[in-house]
Amino acid sequence: MKLGRVVGKLYCTRKDPKLEGVKLYVIEVLDEKLNSTGRRIVAADGVGAQEGQIVFWVAAREATLCIPKREIPADAGIVGIVDQVE
């Protein structure tokens, strides 16, 4: 799992039908000290994250399973909201 900060929403006029109702967010990738790596990605939201929150996300095959009871075409998915990092 990797850390990121939600920095924006992505709106699509056309998308795969399997993504209907799925929120897509722009994530700023963070390192273990919560510093920006300068990289941004788009991730499907499986947990109800909001802009500004720190989240953890998964990539590859695991990302396709981030929405309960659905398999979606995604390369990154938000699977948790971070409360605290020590």
N, C-alpha and C. Protein backbone atom coordinates (compact mmCIF):
# COMPACT_ATOMS: atom_id res chain seq x y z
N MET A 1 0.84 -1.18 0.00
CA MET A 1 0.00 0.00 0.00
C MET A 1 0.89 1.24 0.00
N LYS A 2 0.33 2.29 -0.53
CA LYS A 2 1.07 3.54 -0.68
C LYS A 2 0.25 4.68 -0.11
N LEU A 3 0.92 5.76 0.27
CA LEU A 3 0.23 6.93 0.81
C LEU A 3 0.03 7.99 -0.26
N GLY A 4 -1.05 8.77 -0.11
CA GLY A 4 -1.32 9.86 -1.03
C GLY A 4 -2.26 10.87 -0.39
N ARG A 5 -2.35 12.05 -1.00
CA ARG A 5 -3.28 13.09 -0.55
C ARG A 5 -4.22 13.38 -1.70
N VAL A 6 -5.51 13.40 -1.41
CA VAL A 6 -6.51 13.70 -2.43
C VAL A 6 -6.43 15.20 -2.73
N VAL A 7 -6.13 15.53 -3.99
CA VAL A 7 -5.97 16.93 -4.36
C VAL A 7 -7.00 17.43 -5.36
N GLY A 8 -7.85 16.54 -5.85
CA GLY A 8 -8.87 16.99 -6.79
C GLY A 8 -9.76 15.85 -7.26
N LYS A 9 -10.83 16.23 -7.93
CA LYS A 9 -11.77 15.27 -8.50
C LYS A 9 -11.57 15.22 -10.00
N LEU A 10 -11.95 14.10 -10.58
CA LEU A 10 -11.88 13.94 -12.02
C LEU A 10 -13.29 13.71 -12.53
N TYR A 11 -13.70 14.49 -13.52
CA TYR A 11 -15.02 14.36 -14.12
C TYR A 11 -14.86 13.84 -15.54
N CYS A 12 -15.67 12.86 -15.91
CA CYS A 12 -15.60 12.27 -17.26
C CYS A 12 -16.97 12.33 -17.92
N THR A 13 -17.00 12.77 -19.16
CA THR A 13 -18.26 12.75 -19.89
C THR A 13 -18.53 11.37 -20.48
N ARG A 14 -17.46 10.62 -20.75
CA ARG A 14 -17.59 9.25 -21.25
C ARG A 14 -16.61 8.38 -20.49
N LYS A 15 -17.10 7.23 -20.03
CA LYS A 15 -16.22 6.30 -19.35
C LYS A 15 -16.78 4.89 -19.48
N ASP A 16 -15.99 3.91 -19.11
CA ASP A 16 -16.41 2.52 -19.14
C ASP A 16 -17.67 2.36 -18.29
N PRO A 17 -18.67 1.64 -18.76
CA PRO A 17 -19.91 1.46 -17.99
C PRO A 17 -19.68 0.85 -16.61
N LYS A 18 -18.61 0.10 -16.43
CA LYS A 18 -18.31 -0.48 -15.11
C LYS A 18 -17.91 0.59 -14.09
N LEU A 19 -17.58 1.79 -14.57
CA LEU A 19 -17.19 2.88 -13.68
C LEU A 19 -18.36 3.80 -13.33
N GLU A 20 -19.57 3.47 -13.78
CA GLU A 20 -20.74 4.28 -13.44
C GLU A 20 -20.90 4.34 -11.92
N GLY A 21 -21.02 5.55 -11.40
CA GLY A 21 -21.20 5.73 -9.96
C GLY A 21 -19.93 5.69 -9.14
N VAL A 22 -18.79 5.47 -9.79
CA VAL A 22 -17.50 5.41 -9.08
C VAL A 22 -16.85 6.79 -9.12
N LYS A 23 -16.46 7.30 -7.95
CA LYS A 23 -15.76 8.59 -7.91
C LYS A 23 -14.30 8.38 -8.25
N LEU A 24 -13.76 9.28 -9.06
CA LEU A 24 -12.36 9.26 -9.44
C LEU A 24 -11.68 10.50 -8.87
N TYR A 25 -10.56 10.29 -8.18
CA TYR A 25 -9.84 11.40 -7.57
C TYR A 25 -8.42 11.48 -8.09
N VAL A 26 -7.89 12.70 -8.09
CA VAL A 26 -6.48 12.92 -8.38
C VAL A 26 -5.75 12.84 -7.03
N ILE A 27 -4.73 11.98 -6.99
CA ILE A 27 -3.97 11.73 -5.76
C ILE A 27 -2.54 12.23 -5.95
N GLU A 28 -2.05 13.00 -4.97
CA GLU A 28 -0.65 13.38 -4.93
C GLU A 28 0.08 12.29 -4.14
N VAL A 29 1.01 11.61 -4.76
CA VAL A 29 1.71 10.50 -4.11
C VAL A 29 2.66 11.06 -3.05
N LEU A 30 2.63 10.44 -1.85
CA LEU A 30 3.46 10.88 -0.72
C LEU A 30 4.47 9.80 -0.35
N ASP A 31 5.59 10.23 0.27
CA ASP A 31 6.54 9.25 0.80
C ASP A 31 6.16 8.92 2.25
N GLU A 32 6.99 8.12 2.92
CA GLU A 32 6.66 7.69 4.28
C GLU A 32 6.65 8.82 5.31
N LYS A 33 7.25 9.96 4.97
CA LYS A 33 7.23 11.12 5.87
C LYS A 33 6.17 12.14 5.45
N LEU A 34 5.27 11.72 4.56
CA LEU A 34 4.17 12.54 4.05
C LEU A 34 4.62 13.72 3.20
N ASN A 35 5.81 13.61 2.60
CA ASN A 35 6.29 14.62 1.66
C ASN A 35 5.88 14.22 0.25
N SER A 36 5.54 15.20 -0.56
CA SER A 36 5.14 14.93 -1.94
C SER A 36 6.31 14.37 -2.74
N THR A 37 6.02 13.39 -3.57
CA THR A 37 7.04 12.85 -4.47
C THR A 37 7.03 13.58 -5.80
N GLY A 38 6.07 14.47 -5.98
CA GLY A 38 5.94 15.20 -7.24
C GLY A 38 5.13 14.45 -8.28
N ARG A 39 4.64 13.29 -7.93
CA ARG A 39 3.87 12.45 -8.85
C ARG A 39 2.39 12.52 -8.51
N ARG A 40 1.55 12.55 -9.52
CA ARG A 40 0.09 12.51 -9.32
C ARG A 40 -0.50 11.39 -10.15
N ILE A 41 -1.55 10.78 -9.60
CA ILE A 41 -2.23 9.68 -10.29
C ILE A 41 -3.73 9.87 -10.14
N VAL A 42 -4.48 9.11 -10.92
CA VAL A 42 -5.93 9.07 -10.78
C VAL A 42 -6.28 7.73 -10.13
N ALA A 43 -7.14 7.78 -9.09
CA ALA A 43 -7.52 6.56 -8.38
C ALA A 43 -9.03 6.50 -8.18
N ALA A 44 -9.57 5.29 -8.27
CA ALA A 44 -10.99 5.06 -7.97
C ALA A 44 -11.15 5.06 -6.45
N ASP A 45 -12.22 5.69 -5.97
CA ASP A 45 -12.45 5.79 -4.53
C ASP A 45 -13.36 4.69 -4.04
N GLY A 46 -12.84 3.84 -3.16
CA GLY A 46 -13.62 2.75 -2.61
C GLY A 46 -14.06 2.96 -1.17
N VAL A 47 -13.71 4.13 -0.59
CA VAL A 47 -13.98 4.33 0.85
C VAL A 47 -14.66 5.65 1.20
N GLY A 48 -14.98 6.47 0.23
CA GLY A 48 -15.63 7.75 0.52
C GLY A 48 -14.68 8.84 0.95
N ALA A 49 -13.49 8.87 0.36
CA ALA A 49 -12.50 9.89 0.69
C ALA A 49 -12.97 11.26 0.20
N GLN A 50 -12.35 12.30 0.76
CA GLN A 50 -12.66 13.67 0.36
C GLN A 50 -11.37 14.43 0.08
N GLU A 51 -11.49 15.54 -0.63
CA GLU A 51 -10.33 16.34 -0.96
C GLU A 51 -9.60 16.78 0.30
N GLY A 52 -8.27 16.71 0.25
CA GLY A 52 -7.42 17.12 1.36
C GLY A 52 -7.05 15.98 2.30
N GLN A 53 -7.76 14.87 2.26
CA GLN A 53 -7.47 13.76 3.16
C GLN A 53 -6.26 12.96 2.69
N ILE A 54 -5.55 12.40 3.67
CA ILE A 54 -4.47 11.47 3.37
C ILE A 54 -5.09 10.09 3.30
N VAL A 55 -4.74 9.36 2.25
CA VAL A 55 -5.33 8.05 2.01
C VAL A 55 -4.23 7.03 1.73
N PHE A 56 -4.58 5.76 1.83
CA PHE A 56 -3.67 4.76 1.29
C PHE A 56 -4.34 4.09 0.11
N TRP A 57 -3.52 3.75 -0.86
CA TRP A 57 -4.03 3.25 -2.12
C TRP A 57 -3.21 2.05 -2.59
N VAL A 58 -3.82 1.29 -3.45
CA VAL A 58 -3.17 0.12 -4.02
C VAL A 58 -3.16 0.25 -5.53
N ALA A 59 -2.27 -0.50 -6.15
CA ALA A 59 -2.15 -0.46 -7.61
C ALA A 59 -2.29 -1.86 -8.18
N ALA A 60 -2.37 -1.91 -9.48
CA ALA A 60 -2.42 -3.16 -10.24
C ALA A 60 -3.70 -3.95 -9.97
N ARG A 61 -3.60 -5.24 -9.87
CA ARG A 61 -4.78 -6.12 -9.73
C ARG A 61 -5.64 -5.76 -8.52
N GLU A 62 -5.02 -5.41 -7.41
CA GLU A 62 -5.76 -5.07 -6.20
C GLU A 62 -6.66 -3.85 -6.42
N ALA A 63 -6.26 -2.93 -7.28
CA ALA A 63 -7.05 -1.73 -7.54
C ALA A 63 -8.38 -2.07 -8.19
N THR A 64 -8.43 -3.14 -8.95
CA THR A 64 -9.67 -3.50 -9.63
C THR A 64 -10.73 -3.99 -8.64
N LEU A 65 -10.32 -4.27 -7.41
CA LEU A 65 -11.22 -4.81 -6.40
C LEU A 65 -11.57 -3.80 -5.30
N CYS A 66 -11.23 -2.53 -5.47
CA CYS A 66 -11.43 -1.54 -4.40
C CYS A 66 -12.90 -1.17 -4.19
N ILE A 67 -13.76 -1.43 -5.14
CA ILE A 67 -15.19 -1.17 -5.00
C ILE A 67 -15.86 -2.49 -4.61
N PRO A 68 -16.53 -2.53 -3.47
CA PRO A 68 -17.14 -3.79 -3.01
C PRO A 68 -18.11 -4.38 -4.03
N LYS A 69 -18.02 -5.69 -4.21
CA LYS A 69 -18.91 -6.48 -5.06
C LYS A 69 -18.86 -6.10 -6.54
N ARG A 70 -17.77 -5.42 -6.95
CA ARG A 70 -17.60 -5.03 -8.36
C ARG A 70 -16.14 -5.16 -8.75
N GLU A 71 -15.93 -5.50 -9.99
CA GLU A 71 -14.58 -5.47 -10.53
C GLU A 71 -14.55 -4.37 -11.57
N ILE A 72 -13.69 -3.38 -11.36
CA ILE A 72 -13.66 -2.21 -12.23
C ILE A 72 -12.35 -2.13 -13.01
N PRO A 73 -12.36 -1.43 -14.14
CA PRO A 73 -11.11 -1.25 -14.90
C PRO A 73 -10.32 -0.08 -14.31
N ALA A 74 -9.42 -0.38 -13.39
CA ALA A 74 -8.64 0.67 -12.72
C ALA A 74 -7.22 0.20 -12.47
N ASP A 75 -6.28 1.14 -12.49
CA ASP A 75 -4.88 0.84 -12.17
C ASP A 75 -4.53 1.27 -10.75
N ALA A 76 -5.37 2.12 -10.13
CA ALA A 76 -5.14 2.57 -8.75
C ALA A 76 -6.48 2.71 -8.05
N GLY A 77 -6.50 2.35 -6.77
CA GLY A 77 -7.73 2.45 -6.01
C GLY A 77 -7.47 2.85 -4.57
N ILE A 78 -8.31 3.75 -4.06
CA ILE A 78 -8.21 4.19 -2.67
C ILE A 78 -8.90 3.14 -1.81
N VAL A 79 -8.16 2.61 -0.80
CA VAL A 79 -8.71 1.55 0.03
C VAL A 79 -8.77 1.92 1.51
N GLY A 80 -8.31 3.11 1.88
CA GLY A 80 -8.38 3.51 3.28
C GLY A 80 -8.09 4.98 3.46
N ILE A 81 -8.62 5.53 4.55
CA ILE A 81 -8.37 6.92 4.93
C ILE A 81 -7.45 6.89 6.16
N VAL A 82 -6.36 7.64 6.11
CA VAL A 82 -5.36 7.64 7.18
C VAL A 82 -5.79 8.61 8.27
N ASP A 83 -5.84 8.11 9.51
CA ASP A 83 -6.16 8.95 10.67
C ASP A 83 -4.90 9.56 11.28
N GLN A 84 -3.83 8.77 11.30
CA GLN A 84 -2.61 9.23 11.97
C GLN A 84 -1.41 8.42 11.46
N VAL A 85 -0.27 9.08 11.36
CA VAL A 85 0.97 8.41 10.98
C VAL A 85 1.99 8.67 12.07
N GLU A 86 2.62 7.59 12.55
CA GLU A 86 3.65 7.74 13.61
C GLU A 86 4.98 7.24 13.13
